[in-house]
Amino acid sequence: MNIVQQIQEPIKVEMELFEKKFHKSMATKVALLNRITYYIVNRKGKQMRPMFVFLVAKMVQGEVNERTYRGASVIELIHTATLVHDDVVDDSNKRRGFFSLNALWKNKIAVLVGDYLLSKGLLLSIDNGDFDLLRIISVAVREMSEGELLQIEKARRLDITEDVYYEIIRQKTATLIAACCALGAASVEPDNAELIERMRKFGEVIGMAFQIKDDLFDYTDGPIGKPTGIDIKEQKMTLPLIYALNTATKEKRKWLINSVKNHNEDKRRVKEVIDYVKEAGGLTYATEKMIAYQQEALQLVEGFPHSPFKEALITMVNYVIERKK
């Protein structure tokens, strides 16, 4: 049993039922749409988002209800909509090893399908009066859009401070995991604002640790035995690089910015940047920050009674920073 299956084990029954309900929530009278949504459903990833929803609900209440299933479906529908739109924006032909929708059905159809999934998610909440759950998800979508735009705005000038970096990753990555955890709690304890906020924070700090781990992959040896440097090629300002820039001399800082801006296709120069970031202690610094977020997440679930759901969430928190890809 791999680690993801191990995390999923206590909610196996819920996840299987969720699959069925999610399929149903996608149904439509338009044959083309059905073909496309069938394709989407069958190329799913690890399904971390619904797992967070169910594990949190079971940890705080010991059971799930119809609202929990709807919350998990809505987050999956809306998340899928954002991915479909992302692929169009990035002109990306692949997603998780499969062709993206825009590669198979062109941009116009992909954008319309994204809109369709978004409206399906909104209606699923509205038709059942889950306005509290809809609010949690809508805030997450707004923040994700803001985070993406903030990153684009800052990347043009490469003037990202550490605080701005945290704000970008909080909005871009952490806000969705935070929404999943808040949804899980709100679905079973709708009147417990303190608990919902605590679980939202739990998801947020996991998301922060997750993104910093992703940043570190760019500097550590990948499956082919050498650092990828993809973030540098894409002129993304990540925590190790920000730290190196902040601690560099004026000359070195100039060289780093020039390298990332104008020589990001030069393999030798990218390798020099990676080596310098390592020497400057960028990886050590980022790792310390990641571990601090992980510890904060563990503290937030500490007070809950012992259960397989709590154990699975703890495993998830540790997996986030120990994963190899």
C-alpha atoms as a PDB file:
ATOM      1  CA  MET A   1       0.000   0.000   0.000  1.00  0.00           C
ATOM      2  CA  ASN A   2       1.511   3.329  -1.023  1.00  0.00           C
ATOM      3  CA  ILE A   3       1.250   6.384   1.196  1.00  0.00           C
ATOM      4  CA  VAL A   4      -1.714   7.935  -0.643  1.00  0.00           C
ATOM      5  CA  GLN A   5      -3.696   4.682  -0.339  1.00  0.00           C
ATOM      6  CA  GLN A   6      -2.741   4.547   3.335  1.00  0.00           C
ATOM      7  CA  ILE A   7      -4.144   8.083   3.854  1.00  0.00           C
ATOM      8  CA  GLN A   8      -7.296   7.135   1.949  1.00  0.00           C
ATOM      9  CA  GLU A   9      -7.883   3.858   3.801  1.00  0.00           C
ATOM     10  CA  PRO A  10     -10.097   5.231   6.685  1.00  0.00           C
ATOM     11  CA  ILE A  11     -12.395   6.989   4.173  1.00  0.00           C
ATOM     12  CA  LYS A  12     -12.414   4.314   1.458  1.00  0.00           C
ATOM     13  CA  VAL A  13     -16.201   3.860   1.582  1.00  0.00           C
ATOM     14  CA  GLU A  14     -16.820   7.629   1.459  1.00  0.00           C
ATOM     15  CA  MET A  15     -14.423   8.076  -1.477  1.00  0.00           C
ATOM     16  CA  GLU A  16     -16.142   5.323  -3.480  1.00  0.00           C
ATOM     17  CA  LEU A  17     -19.564   6.842  -2.855  1.00  0.00           C
ATOM     18  CA  PHE A  18     -18.150  10.284  -3.677  1.00  0.00           C
ATOM     19  CA  GLU A  19     -16.999   8.976  -7.082  1.00  0.00           C
ATOM     20  CA  LYS A  20     -20.557   7.909  -7.910  1.00  0.00           C
ATOM     21  CA  LYS A  21     -22.087  11.182  -6.706  1.00  0.00           C
ATOM     22  CA  PHE A  22     -19.463  13.210  -8.554  1.00  0.00           C
ATOM     23  CA  HIS A  23     -20.173  11.364 -11.824  1.00  0.00           C
ATOM     24  CA  LYS A  24     -23.853  12.107 -11.331  1.00  0.00           C
ATOM     25  CA  SER A  25     -23.232  15.811 -10.671  1.00  0.00           C
ATOM     26  CA  MET A  26     -21.475  16.040 -14.061  1.00  0.00           C
ATOM     27  CA  ALA A  27     -24.390  14.602 -16.106  1.00  0.00           C
ATOM     28  CA  THR A  28     -25.920  16.697 -18.895  1.00  0.00           C
ATOM     29  CA  LYS A  29     -28.223  16.309 -21.923  1.00  0.00           C
ATOM     30  CA  VAL A  30     -25.521  17.540 -24.325  1.00  0.00           C
ATOM     31  CA  ALA A  31     -23.697  14.570 -25.841  1.00  0.00           C
ATOM     32  CA  LEU A  32     -20.463  16.497 -26.545  1.00  0.00           C
ATOM     33  CA  LEU A  33     -20.360  17.738 -22.944  1.00  0.00           C
ATOM     34  CA  ASN A  34     -20.936  14.229 -21.607  1.00  0.00           C
ATOM     35  CA  ARG A  35     -18.074  12.927 -23.713  1.00  0.00           C
ATOM     36  CA  ILE A  36     -15.766  15.655 -22.413  1.00  0.00           C
ATOM     37  CA  THR A  37     -16.804  15.359 -18.750  1.00  0.00           C
ATOM     38  CA  TYR A  38     -16.411  11.568 -18.969  1.00  0.00           C
ATOM     39  CA  TYR A  39     -12.873  12.166 -20.230  1.00  0.00           C
ATOM     40  CA  ILE A  40     -12.167  14.582 -17.352  1.00  0.00           C
ATOM     41  CA  VAL A  41     -13.463  12.207 -14.669  1.00  0.00           C
ATOM     42  CA  ASN A  42     -11.396   9.317 -15.972  1.00  0.00           C
ATOM     43  CA  ARG A  43      -8.046  11.080 -15.815  1.00  0.00           C
ATOM     44  CA  LYS A  44      -8.269  12.161 -12.202  1.00  0.00           C
ATOM     45  CA  GLY A  45      -5.163  12.547 -10.054  1.00  0.00           C
ATOM     46  CA  LYS A  46      -4.612  11.564  -6.420  1.00  0.00           C
ATOM     47  CA  GLN A  47      -7.876  13.284  -5.373  1.00  0.00           C
ATOM     48  CA  MET A  48      -6.250  15.008  -2.425  1.00  0.00           C
ATOM     49  CA  ARG A  49      -8.952  17.678  -2.207  1.00  0.00           C
ATOM     50  CA  PRO A  50     -11.952  15.405  -1.502  1.00  0.00           C
ATOM     51  CA  MET A  51      -9.712  13.398   0.848  1.00  0.00           C
ATOM     52  CA  PHE A  52      -9.105  16.512   2.955  1.00  0.00           C
ATOM     53  CA  VAL A  53     -12.861  17.252   3.036  1.00  0.00           C
ATOM     54  CA  PHE A  54     -13.797  13.743   4.260  1.00  0.00           C
ATOM     55  CA  LEU A  55     -10.893  13.282   6.688  1.00  0.00           C
ATOM     56  CA  VAL A  56     -11.526  16.621   8.417  1.00  0.00           C
ATOM     57  CA  ALA A  57     -15.301  15.979   8.650  1.00  0.00           C
ATOM     58  CA  LYS A  58     -14.694  12.526  10.154  1.00  0.00           C
ATOM     59  CA  MET A  59     -12.013  13.774  12.539  1.00  0.00           C
ATOM     60  CA  VAL A  60     -14.150  16.580  13.965  1.00  0.00           C
ATOM     61  CA  GLN A  61     -17.527  14.799  13.969  1.00  0.00           C
ATOM     62  CA  GLY A  62     -16.873  11.093  13.443  1.00  0.00           C
ATOM     63  CA  GLU A  63     -19.220  10.985  10.472  1.00  0.00           C
ATOM     64  CA  VAL A  64     -20.047  12.640   7.178  1.00  0.00           C
ATOM     65  CA  ASN A  65     -23.408  13.690   5.708  1.00  0.00           C
ATOM     66  CA  GLU A  66     -24.887  14.713   2.364  1.00  0.00           C
ATOM     67  CA  ARG A  67     -23.447  18.216   2.775  1.00  0.00           C
ATOM     68  CA  THR A  68     -19.959  16.721   3.040  1.00  0.00           C
ATOM     69  CA  TYR A  69     -20.435  14.905  -0.272  1.00  0.00           C
ATOM     70  CA  ARG A  70     -21.770  18.040  -1.910  1.00  0.00           C
ATOM     71  CA  GLY A  71     -18.911  20.126  -0.528  1.00  0.00           C
ATOM     72  CA  ALA A  72     -16.366  17.643  -1.927  1.00  0.00           C
ATOM     73  CA  SER A  73     -18.158  17.595  -5.312  1.00  0.00           C
ATOM     74  CA  VAL A  74     -18.324  21.385  -5.522  1.00  0.00           C
ATOM     75  CA  ILE A  75     -14.643  21.836  -4.730  1.00  0.00           C
ATOM     76  CA  GLU A  76     -13.741  19.200  -7.332  1.00  0.00           C
ATOM     77  CA  LEU A  77     -16.016  20.756  -9.982  1.00  0.00           C
ATOM     78  CA  ILE A  78     -14.672  24.246  -9.409  1.00  0.00           C
ATOM     79  CA  HIS A  79     -11.058  23.091  -9.119  1.00  0.00           C
ATOM     80  CA  THR A  80     -11.416  21.165 -12.397  1.00  0.00           C
ATOM     81  CA  ALA A  81     -12.866  24.279 -14.042  1.00  0.00           C
ATOM     82  CA  THR A  82      -9.819  26.301 -12.982  1.00  0.00           C
ATOM     83  CA  LEU A  83      -7.461  23.598 -14.325  1.00  0.00           C
ATOM     84  CA  VAL A  84      -9.242  23.529 -17.694  1.00  0.00           C
ATOM     85  CA  HIS A  85      -8.941  27.315 -17.933  1.00  0.00           C
ATOM     86  CA  ASP A  86      -5.294  27.171 -16.794  1.00  0.00           C
ATOM     87  CA  ASP A  87      -4.433  24.800 -19.632  1.00  0.00           C
ATOM     88  CA  VAL A  88      -5.942  27.244 -22.116  1.00  0.00           C
ATOM     89  CA  VAL A  89      -4.083  30.195 -20.600  1.00  0.00           C
ATOM     90  CA  ASP A  90      -0.782  28.296 -20.505  1.00  0.00           C
ATOM     91  CA  ASP A  91      -1.380  26.854 -23.981  1.00  0.00           C
ATOM     92  CA  SER A  92      -0.648  23.496 -22.393  1.00  0.00           C
ATOM     93  CA  ASN A  93      -1.215  20.269 -24.331  1.00  0.00           C
ATOM     94  CA  LYS A  94      -0.778  17.839 -21.478  1.00  0.00           C
ATOM     95  CA  ARG A  95      -2.172  17.466 -17.959  1.00  0.00           C
ATOM     96  CA  ARG A  96      -1.021  14.546 -15.779  1.00  0.00           C
ATOM     97  CA  GLY A  97       0.265  12.711 -18.835  1.00  0.00           C
ATOM     98  CA  PHE A  98      -3.074  12.961 -20.685  1.00  0.00           C
ATOM     99  CA  PHE A  99      -3.961  15.384 -23.445  1.00  0.00           C
ATOM    100  CA  SER A 100      -5.542  18.564 -22.092  1.00  0.00           C
ATOM    101  CA  LEU A 101      -9.042  19.525 -23.222  1.00  0.00           C
ATOM    102  CA  ASN A 102      -7.793  22.395 -25.356  1.00  0.00           C
ATOM    103  CA  ALA A 103      -5.395  20.007 -27.146  1.00  0.00           C
ATOM    104  CA  LEU A 104      -8.280  17.679 -28.072  1.00  0.00           C
ATOM    105  CA  TRP A 105     -11.237  20.041 -28.457  1.00  0.00           C
ATOM    106  CA  LYS A 106      -9.697  23.489 -29.006  1.00  0.00           C
ATOM    107  CA  ASN A 107      -9.734  26.548 -26.759  1.00  0.00           C
ATOM    108  CA  LYS A 108     -13.297  27.748 -27.293  1.00  0.00           C
ATOM    109  CA  ILE A 109     -14.788  24.423 -26.201  1.00  0.00           C
ATOM    110  CA  ALA A 110     -12.327  24.141 -23.285  1.00  0.00           C
ATOM    111  CA  VAL A 111     -13.279  27.598 -21.972  1.00  0.00           C
ATOM    112  CA  LEU A 112     -17.004  26.797 -22.300  1.00  0.00           C
ATOM    113  CA  VAL A 113     -16.539  23.484 -20.475  1.00  0.00           C
ATOM    114  CA  GLY A 114     -14.674  25.331 -17.700  1.00  0.00           C
ATOM    115  CA  ASP A 115     -17.608  27.764 -17.430  1.00  0.00           C
ATOM    116  CA  TYR A 116     -20.051  24.856 -17.405  1.00  0.00           C
ATOM    117  CA  LEU A 117     -18.220  23.088 -14.562  1.00  0.00           C
ATOM    118  CA  LEU A 118     -18.093  26.331 -12.591  1.00  0.00           C
ATOM    119  CA  SER A 119     -21.860  26.869 -12.940  1.00  0.00           C
ATOM    120  CA  LYS A 120     -22.528  23.196 -12.074  1.00  0.00           C
ATOM    121  CA  GLY A 121     -20.567  23.690  -8.851  1.00  0.00           C
ATOM    122  CA  LEU A 122     -22.399  26.902  -7.954  1.00  0.00           C
ATOM    123  CA  LEU A 123     -25.820  25.384  -8.657  1.00  0.00           C
ATOM    124  CA  LEU A 124     -25.087  22.245  -6.655  1.00  0.00           C
ATOM    125  CA  SER A 125     -24.623  24.492  -3.603  1.00  0.00           C
ATOM    126  CA  ILE A 126     -27.499  26.872  -4.346  1.00  0.00           C
ATOM    127  CA  ASP A 127     -30.059  24.138  -5.103  1.00  0.00           C
ATOM    128  CA  ASN A 128     -29.360  22.597  -1.708  1.00  0.00           C
ATOM    129  CA  GLY A 129     -29.115  25.841   0.260  1.00  0.00           C
ATOM    130  CA  ASP A 130     -25.424  25.279   1.121  1.00  0.00           C
ATOM    131  CA  PHE A 131     -24.674  28.996   1.079  1.00  0.00           C
ATOM    132  CA  ASP A 132     -22.050  28.713   3.813  1.00  0.00           C
ATOM    133  CA  LEU A 133     -20.117  26.135   1.766  1.00  0.00           C
ATOM    134  CA  LEU A 134     -20.493  28.211  -1.387  1.00  0.00           C
ATOM    135  CA  ARG A 135     -19.039  31.217   0.408  1.00  0.00           C
ATOM    136  CA  ILE A 136     -15.932  29.231   1.444  1.00  0.00           C
ATOM    137  CA  ILE A 137     -15.359  28.052  -2.133  1.00  0.00           C
ATOM    138  CA  SER A 138     -16.066  31.424  -3.757  1.00  0.00           C
ATOM    139  CA  VAL A 139     -13.510  33.137  -1.504  1.00  0.00           C
ATOM    140  CA  ALA A 140     -10.955  30.485  -2.516  1.00  0.00           C
ATOM    141  CA  VAL A 141     -11.568  31.054  -6.247  1.00  0.00           C
ATOM    142  CA  ARG A 142     -11.252  34.823  -5.812  1.00  0.00           C
ATOM    143  CA  GLU A 143      -7.983  34.439  -3.924  1.00  0.00           C
ATOM    144  CA  MET A 144      -6.545  31.976  -6.439  1.00  0.00           C
ATOM    145  CA  SER A 145      -7.204  34.470  -9.251  1.00  0.00           C
ATOM    146  CA  GLU A 146      -5.672  37.321  -7.227  1.00  0.00           C
ATOM    147  CA  GLY A 147      -2.599  35.219  -6.421  1.00  0.00           C
ATOM    148  CA  GLU A 148      -2.008  34.344 -10.082  1.00  0.00           C
ATOM    149  CA  LEU A 149      -2.352  37.990 -11.114  1.00  0.00           C
ATOM    150  CA  LEU A 150      -0.091  39.181  -8.294  1.00  0.00           C
ATOM    151  CA  GLN A 151       2.562  36.687  -9.414  1.00  0.00           C
ATOM    152  CA  ILE A 152       2.330  37.844 -13.049  1.00  0.00           C
ATOM    153  CA  GLU A 153       2.576  41.489 -12.005  1.00  0.00           C
ATOM    154  CA  LYS A 154       5.637  40.874  -9.802  1.00  0.00           C
ATOM    155  CA  ALA A 155       7.394  38.437 -12.154  1.00  0.00           C
ATOM    156  CA  ARG A 156       7.767  41.165 -14.752  1.00  0.00           C
ATOM    157  CA  ARG A 157      10.039  43.122 -12.446  1.00  0.00           C
ATOM    158  CA  LEU A 158      11.521  40.282 -10.371  1.00  0.00           C
ATOM    159  CA  ASP A 159      11.096  42.429  -7.266  1.00  0.00           C
ATOM    160  CA  ILE A 160       9.350  39.914  -5.048  1.00  0.00           C
ATOM    161  CA  THR A 161      10.017  40.296  -1.338  1.00  0.00           C
ATOM    162  CA  GLU A 162       9.634  37.355   1.024  1.00  0.00           C
ATOM    163  CA  ASP A 163       6.312  38.753   2.300  1.00  0.00           C
ATOM    164  CA  VAL A 164       4.913  39.104  -1.218  1.00  0.00           C
ATOM    165  CA  TYR A 165       6.090  35.568  -1.996  1.00  0.00           C
ATOM    166  CA  TYR A 166       4.152  34.184   1.009  1.00  0.00           C
ATOM    167  CA  GLU A 167       1.077  36.127  -0.072  1.00  0.00           C
ATOM    168  CA  ILE A 168       1.316  34.698  -3.617  1.00  0.00           C
ATOM    169  CA  ILE A 169       1.656  31.085  -2.479  1.00  0.00           C
ATOM    170  CA  ARG A 170      -1.000  31.518   0.199  1.00  0.00           C
ATOM    171  CA  GLN A 171      -3.471  32.648  -2.451  1.00  0.00           C
ATOM    172  CA  LYS A 172      -2.345  30.447  -5.345  1.00  0.00           C
ATOM    173  CA  THR A 173      -1.807  27.130  -3.590  1.00  0.00           C
ATOM    174  CA  ALA A 174      -2.735  27.207   0.089  1.00  0.00           C
ATOM    175  CA  THR A 175      -6.173  28.789  -0.242  1.00  0.00           C
ATOM    176  CA  LEU A 176      -7.664  25.764  -2.037  1.00  0.00           C
ATOM    177  CA  ILE A 177      -6.418  23.247   0.554  1.00  0.00           C
ATOM    178  CA  ALA A 178      -7.636  25.662   3.258  1.00  0.00           C
ATOM    179  CA  ALA A 179     -11.075  25.700   1.616  1.00  0.00           C
ATOM    180  CA  CYS A 180     -11.209  21.869   1.551  1.00  0.00           C
ATOM    181  CA  CYS A 181     -10.478  21.641   5.273  1.00  0.00           C
ATOM    182  CA  ALA A 182     -12.900  24.467   6.150  1.00  0.00           C
ATOM    183  CA  LEU A 183     -15.567  22.740   3.997  1.00  0.00           C
ATOM    184  CA  GLY A 184     -15.064  19.440   5.791  1.00  0.00           C
ATOM    185  CA  ALA A 185     -15.613  21.112   9.170  1.00  0.00           C
ATOM    186  CA  ALA A 186     -18.469  23.369   7.997  1.00  0.00           C
ATOM    187  CA  SER A 187     -20.357  20.459   6.415  1.00  0.00           C
ATOM    188  CA  VAL A 188     -20.787  18.725   9.774  1.00  0.00           C
ATOM    189  CA  GLU A 189     -20.472  21.624  12.277  1.00  0.00           C
ATOM    190  CA  PRO A 190     -21.969  24.610  10.431  1.00  0.00           C
ATOM    191  CA  ASP A 191     -22.406  26.734  13.573  1.00  0.00           C
ATOM    192  CA  ASN A 192     -18.929  26.252  15.012  1.00  0.00           C
ATOM    193  CA  ALA A 193     -17.086  29.243  13.535  1.00  0.00           C
ATOM    194  CA  GLU A 194     -14.001  28.710  15.697  1.00  0.00           C
ATOM    195  CA  LEU A 195     -13.597  25.092  14.551  1.00  0.00           C
ATOM    196  CA  ILE A 196     -14.124  26.003  10.875  1.00  0.00           C
ATOM    197  CA  GLU A 197     -11.474  28.731  11.132  1.00  0.00           C
ATOM    198  CA  ARG A 198      -9.055  26.369  12.881  1.00  0.00           C
ATOM    199  CA  MET A 199      -9.443  23.789  10.120  1.00  0.00           C
ATOM    200  CA  ARG A 200      -9.131  26.489   7.456  1.00  0.00           C
ATOM    201  CA  LYS A 201      -5.829  27.541   9.015  1.00  0.00           C
ATOM    202  CA  PHE A 202      -4.730  23.892   9.177  1.00  0.00           C
ATOM    203  CA  GLY A 203      -5.268  23.548   5.418  1.00  0.00           C
ATOM    204  CA  GLU A 204      -3.555  26.856   4.731  1.00  0.00           C
ATOM    205  CA  VAL A 205      -0.311  25.980   6.524  1.00  0.00           C
ATOM    206  CA  ILE A 206      -0.221  22.563   4.820  1.00  0.00           C
ATOM    207  CA  GLY A 207      -0.575  24.385   1.493  1.00  0.00           C
ATOM    208  CA  MET A 208       2.297  26.732   2.361  1.00  0.00           C
ATOM    209  CA  ALA A 209       4.560  23.797   3.252  1.00  0.00           C
ATOM    210  CA  PHE A 210       3.484  21.998   0.063  1.00  0.00           C
ATOM    211  CA  GLN A 211       4.444  24.914  -2.190  1.00  0.00           C
ATOM    212  CA  ILE A 212       7.822  25.472  -0.524  1.00  0.00           C
ATOM    213  CA  LYS A 213       8.540  21.757  -1.034  1.00  0.00           C
ATOM    214  CA  ASP A 214       7.711  22.243  -4.719  1.00  0.00           C
ATOM    215  CA  ASP A 215      10.149  25.162  -4.860  1.00  0.00           C
ATOM    216  CA  LEU A 216      12.891  22.998  -3.385  1.00  0.00           C
ATOM    217  CA  PHE A 217      12.448  20.351  -6.097  1.00  0.00           C
ATOM    218  CA  ASP A 218      13.819  22.851  -8.595  1.00  0.00           C
ATOM    219  CA  TYR A 219      17.158  22.803  -6.782  1.00  0.00           C
ATOM    220  CA  THR A 220      17.411  19.178  -5.732  1.00  0.00           C
ATOM    221  CA  ASP A 221      18.270  16.220  -7.893  1.00  0.00           C
ATOM    222  CA  GLY A 222      15.270  15.049  -9.871  1.00  0.00           C
ATOM    223  CA  PRO A 223      14.554  11.572 -11.269  1.00  0.00           C
ATOM    224  CA  ILE A 224      17.292  12.071 -13.851  1.00  0.00           C
ATOM    225  CA  GLY A 225      19.832  12.899 -11.185  1.00  0.00           C
ATOM    226  CA  LYS A 226      20.184  16.638 -11.718  1.00  0.00           C
ATOM    227  CA  PRO A 227      18.304  19.769 -10.636  1.00  0.00           C
ATOM    228  CA  THR A 228      15.626  20.859 -13.080  1.00  0.00           C
ATOM    229  CA  GLY A 229      15.913  24.639 -12.891  1.00  0.00           C
ATOM    230  CA  ILE A 230      12.462  24.886 -14.509  1.00  0.00           C
ATOM    231  CA  ASP A 231      11.354  27.707 -12.186  1.00  0.00           C
ATOM    232  CA  ILE A 232      14.440  29.699 -13.149  1.00  0.00           C
ATOM    233  CA  LYS A 233      13.745  29.133 -16.851  1.00  0.00           C
ATOM    234  CA  GLU A 234      10.185  30.370 -16.278  1.00  0.00           C
ATOM    235  CA  GLN A 235      11.467  33.379 -14.289  1.00  0.00           C
ATOM    236  CA  LYS A 236       9.566  32.294 -11.181  1.00  0.00           C
ATOM    237  CA  MET A 237      10.773  33.826  -7.953  1.00  0.00           C
ATOM    238  CA  THR A 238      10.859  31.050  -5.373  1.00  0.00           C
ATOM    239  CA  LEU A 239      11.885  31.171  -1.712  1.00  0.00           C
ATOM    240  CA  PRO A 240      15.467  29.797  -2.089  1.00  0.00           C
ATOM    241  CA  LEU A 241      16.188  32.371  -4.813  1.00  0.00           C
ATOM    242  CA  ILE A 242      14.556  35.239  -2.873  1.00  0.00           C
ATOM    243  CA  TYR A 243      16.712  34.390   0.143  1.00  0.00           C
ATOM    244  CA  ALA A 244      19.861  34.273  -2.018  1.00  0.00           C
ATOM    245  CA  LEU A 245      18.980  37.659  -3.551  1.00  0.00           C
ATOM    246  CA  ASN A 246      18.335  39.221  -0.140  1.00  0.00           C
ATOM    247  CA  THR A 247      21.664  38.092   1.266  1.00  0.00           C
ATOM    248  CA  ALA A 248      23.779  38.754  -1.850  1.00  0.00           C
ATOM    249  CA  THR A 249      26.168  41.643  -2.432  1.00  0.00           C
ATOM    250  CA  LYS A 250      25.043  44.353  -4.845  1.00  0.00           C
ATOM    251  CA  GLU A 251      27.174  42.863  -7.644  1.00  0.00           C
ATOM    252  CA  LYS A 252      25.996  39.310  -7.078  1.00  0.00           C
ATOM    253  CA  ARG A 253      22.374  40.432  -6.891  1.00  0.00           C
ATOM    254  CA  LYS A 254      22.739  42.180 -10.245  1.00  0.00           C
ATOM    255  CA  TRP A 255      24.258  39.026 -11.753  1.00  0.00           C
ATOM    256  CA  LEU A 256      21.457  36.835 -10.346  1.00  0.00           C
ATOM    257  CA  ILE A 257      18.666  39.063 -11.668  1.00  0.00           C
ATOM    258  CA  ASN A 258      20.381  39.354 -15.056  1.00  0.00           C
ATOM    259  CA  SER A 259      20.792  35.556 -15.191  1.00  0.00           C
ATOM    260  CA  VAL A 260      17.132  34.877 -14.440  1.00  0.00           C
ATOM    261  CA  LYS A 261      15.879  37.636 -16.735  1.00  0.00           C
ATOM    262  CA  ASN A 262      18.123  37.338 -19.751  1.00  0.00           C
ATOM    263  CA  HIS A 263      20.002  34.029 -19.601  1.00  0.00           C
ATOM    264  CA  ASN A 264      17.355  31.617 -18.353  1.00  0.00           C
ATOM    265  CA  GLU A 265      17.747  29.393 -21.433  1.00  0.00           C
ATOM    266  CA  ASP A 266      21.506  29.023 -20.910  1.00  0.00           C
ATOM    267  CA  LYS A 267      21.958  25.662 -19.126  1.00  0.00           C
ATOM    268  CA  ARG A 268      25.406  26.533 -17.780  1.00  0.00           C
ATOM    269  CA  ARG A 269      24.195  29.861 -16.390  1.00  0.00           C
ATOM    270  CA  VAL A 270      21.095  28.222 -14.806  1.00  0.00           C
ATOM    271  CA  LYS A 271      23.380  25.667 -13.155  1.00  0.00           C
ATOM    272  CA  GLU A 272      25.566  28.508 -11.814  1.00  0.00           C
ATOM    273  CA  VAL A 273      22.448  30.165 -10.325  1.00  0.00           C
ATOM    274  CA  ILE A 274      21.403  26.858  -8.710  1.00  0.00           C
ATOM    275  CA  ASP A 275      24.909  26.359  -7.273  1.00  0.00           C
ATOM    276  CA  TYR A 276      25.000  29.909  -5.915  1.00  0.00           C
ATOM    277  CA  VAL A 277      21.560  29.597  -4.280  1.00  0.00           C
ATOM    278  CA  LYS A 278      22.742  26.396  -2.571  1.00  0.00           C
ATOM    279  CA  GLU A 279      25.988  27.996  -1.353  1.00  0.00           C
ATOM    280  CA  ALA A 280      24.099  31.047  -0.060  1.00  0.00           C
ATOM    281  CA  GLY A 281      21.992  28.782   2.172  1.00  0.00           C
ATOM    282  CA  GLY A 282      18.764  29.285   0.223  1.00  0.00           C
ATOM    283  CA  LEU A 283      17.749  25.630   0.457  1.00  0.00           C
ATOM    284  CA  THR A 284      18.467  25.403   4.177  1.00  0.00           C
ATOM    285  CA  TYR A 285      16.442  28.555   4.806  1.00  0.00           C
ATOM    286  CA  ALA A 286      13.471  27.382   2.720  1.00  0.00           C
ATOM    287  CA  THR A 287      13.544  23.947   4.392  1.00  0.00           C
ATOM    288  CA  GLU A 288      13.411  25.571   7.854  1.00  0.00           C
ATOM    289  CA  LYS A 289      10.385  27.649   6.808  1.00  0.00           C
ATOM    290  CA  MET A 290       8.657  24.570   5.364  1.00  0.00           C
ATOM    291  CA  ILE A 291       9.197  22.612   8.594  1.00  0.00           C
ATOM    292  CA  ALA A 292       7.836  25.519  10.651  1.00  0.00           C
ATOM    293  CA  TYR A 293       4.585  25.408   8.626  1.00  0.00           C
ATOM    294  CA  GLN A 294       4.425  21.626   8.998  1.00  0.00           C
ATOM    295  CA  GLN A 295       4.815  21.905  12.783  1.00  0.00           C
ATOM    296  CA  GLU A 296       2.089  24.550  12.930  1.00  0.00           C
ATOM    297  CA  ALA A 297      -0.260  22.173  11.061  1.00  0.00           C
ATOM    298  CA  LEU A 298       0.478  19.350  13.508  1.00  0.00           C
ATOM    299  CA  GLN A 299      -0.227  21.642  16.474  1.00  0.00           C
ATOM    300  CA  LEU A 300      -3.623  22.604  15.033  1.00  0.00           C
ATOM    301  CA  VAL A 301      -4.854  18.975  15.080  1.00  0.00           C
ATOM    302  CA  GLU A 302      -3.165  18.060  18.369  1.00  0.00           C
ATOM    303  CA  GLY A 303      -6.228  18.662  20.557  1.00  0.00           C
ATOM    304  CA  PHE A 304      -8.539  16.298  18.658  1.00  0.00           C
ATOM    305  CA  PRO A 305      -9.193  12.825  20.097  1.00  0.00           C
ATOM    306  CA  HIS A 306      -7.154   9.976  18.676  1.00  0.00           C
ATOM    307  CA  SER A 307      -8.777   8.419  15.556  1.00  0.00           C
ATOM    308  CA  PRO A 308      -7.761   6.811  12.240  1.00  0.00           C
ATOM    309  CA  PHE A 309      -8.871  10.058  10.530  1.00  0.00           C
ATOM    310  CA  LYS A 310      -6.590  12.200  12.647  1.00  0.00           C
ATOM    311  CA  GLU A 311      -3.727   9.743  12.025  1.00  0.00           C
ATOM    312  CA  ALA A 312      -4.364   9.913   8.273  1.00  0.00           C
ATOM    313  CA  LEU A 313      -4.244  13.732   8.364  1.00  0.00           C
ATOM    314  CA  ILE A 314      -0.959  13.623  10.306  1.00  0.00           C
ATOM    315  CA  THR A 315       0.423  11.202   7.690  1.00  0.00           C
ATOM    316  CA  MET A 316      -0.751  13.643   5.008  1.00  0.00           C
ATOM    317  CA  VAL A 317       1.025  16.557   6.704  1.00  0.00           C
ATOM    318  CA  ASN A 318       4.278  14.571   6.874  1.00  0.00           C
ATOM    319  CA  TYR A 319       3.879  13.271   3.315  1.00  0.00           C
ATOM    320  CA  VAL A 320       3.643  16.860   2.022  1.00  0.00           C
ATOM    321  CA  ILE A 321       7.211  17.623   3.072  1.00  0.00           C
ATOM    322  CA  GLU A 322       8.730  14.147   2.623  1.00  0.00           C
ATOM    323  CA  ARG A 323       7.386  13.392  -0.864  1.00  0.00           C
ATOM    324  CA  LYS A 324       9.839  12.764  -3.672  1.00  0.00           C
ATOM    325  CA  LYS A 325       7.829  14.371  -6.476  1.00  0.00           C
END
